Protein backbone atom coordinates (compact mmCIF):
# COMPACT_ATOMS: atom_id res chain seq x y z
CA MET A 1 -12.12 -12.19 4.05
CA SER A 2 -14.46 -10.58 1.49
CA GLY A 3 -16.66 -9.34 4.34
CA ARG A 4 -13.71 -7.46 5.83
CA VAL A 5 -12.93 -5.91 2.46
CA ILE A 6 -16.54 -4.75 2.11
CA ASP A 7 -16.44 -3.31 5.64
CA ARG A 8 -13.37 -1.27 4.69
CA ILE A 9 -14.92 -0.11 1.40
CA GLU A 10 -18.08 1.12 3.09
CA VAL A 11 -16.25 3.69 5.22
CA VAL A 12 -14.39 5.26 2.28
CA ASP A 13 -15.78 8.52 0.96
CA GLY A 14 -15.30 8.04 -2.77
CA ASP A 15 -14.43 5.34 -5.26
CA VAL A 16 -12.27 2.31 -4.47
CA ALA A 17 -10.23 0.27 -6.99
CA ILE A 18 -9.41 -3.36 -6.26
CA PHE A 19 -7.07 -5.49 -8.33
CA SER A 20 -7.16 -9.16 -7.45
CA HIS A 21 -7.47 -12.76 -8.58
CA GLY A 22 -10.71 -13.53 -10.40
CA HIS A 23 -11.87 -16.13 -7.87
CA PHE A 24 -11.69 -13.60 -5.05
CA LEU A 25 -13.46 -10.95 -7.13
CA ARG A 26 -16.33 -13.32 -7.92
CA VAL A 27 -16.78 -14.06 -4.22
CA LEU A 28 -16.53 -10.35 -3.41
CA ALA A 29 -19.32 -9.61 -5.90
CA THR A 30 -21.62 -12.26 -4.43
CA ARG A 31 -20.98 -11.01 -0.89
CA TRP A 32 -21.59 -7.44 -2.08
CA LEU A 33 -25.03 -8.61 -3.24
CA GLY A 34 -25.71 -10.53 -0.02
CA LEU A 35 -25.46 -13.92 -1.73
CA PRO A 36 -23.56 -16.99 -0.49
CA PRO A 37 -19.88 -17.08 -1.52
CA GLY A 38 -20.43 -20.29 -3.53
CA ASP A 39 -22.65 -18.37 -5.93
CA GLY A 40 -19.48 -16.78 -7.29
CA ARG A 41 -19.25 -19.83 -9.55
CA LEU A 42 -22.18 -18.36 -11.50
CA LEU A 43 -20.28 -15.20 -12.43
CA MET A 44 -17.98 -15.69 -15.41
CA LEU A 45 -14.95 -13.44 -15.30
CA ASP A 46 -12.29 -13.18 -18.00
CA PRO A 47 -8.74 -11.96 -17.28
CA ALA A 48 -8.05 -8.20 -17.40
CA THR A 49 -11.69 -7.15 -17.45
CA LEU A 50 -13.45 -4.35 -15.64
CA CYS A 51 -16.24 -4.81 -13.10
CA VAL A 52 -18.05 -2.11 -11.16
CA LEU A 53 -19.95 -2.78 -7.94
CA SER A 54 -22.26 0.05 -6.99
CA THR A 55 -25.55 0.92 -5.35
CA GLU A 56 -28.96 1.80 -6.75
CA HIS A 57 -31.24 3.62 -4.30
CA GLU A 58 -29.20 2.33 -1.32
CA THR A 59 -29.35 -1.26 -2.65
CA ARG A 60 -26.07 -2.92 -3.64
CA ALA A 61 -25.91 -3.80 -7.33
CA ILE A 62 -23.54 -4.74 -10.14
CA ARG A 63 -23.21 -1.78 -12.51
CA MET A 64 -20.79 -3.48 -14.93
CA TRP A 65 -19.38 -7.01 -15.10
CA ASN A 66 -16.64 -8.59 -17.19
CA SER A 67 -16.30 -5.60 -19.53
CA SER A 68 -13.46 -5.70 -22.01
CA PRO A 69 -12.51 -3.76 -25.12
CA ARG A 70 -11.82 -7.05 -26.85
CA PRO A 71 -14.28 -9.86 -27.68
CA ALA A 72 -14.55 -12.68 -25.15
CA PRO A 73 -12.74 -15.93 -26.09
CA GLY A 74 -14.73 -17.92 -28.62
CA VAL A 75 -16.90 -14.95 -29.64
CA THR A 76 -16.73 -13.87 -33.26
CA SER A 77 -18.16 -10.71 -34.76
């Protein structure tokens, strides 16, 4: 499934926004990087956070992950 989403993203000229369940987004990120889907377990993702998948010199990369204007649960300032 994530492979089909990536195929559709690649043909779009411009930015794409995806809103989905965290488990799918973690798998999407690993597939974007060419990693096995099971590696998604290594990517922590809090609810209502922003992630940006991008490219750097034609290489797929994660530009931003799990960004939130509020502190993560359990984190104090």
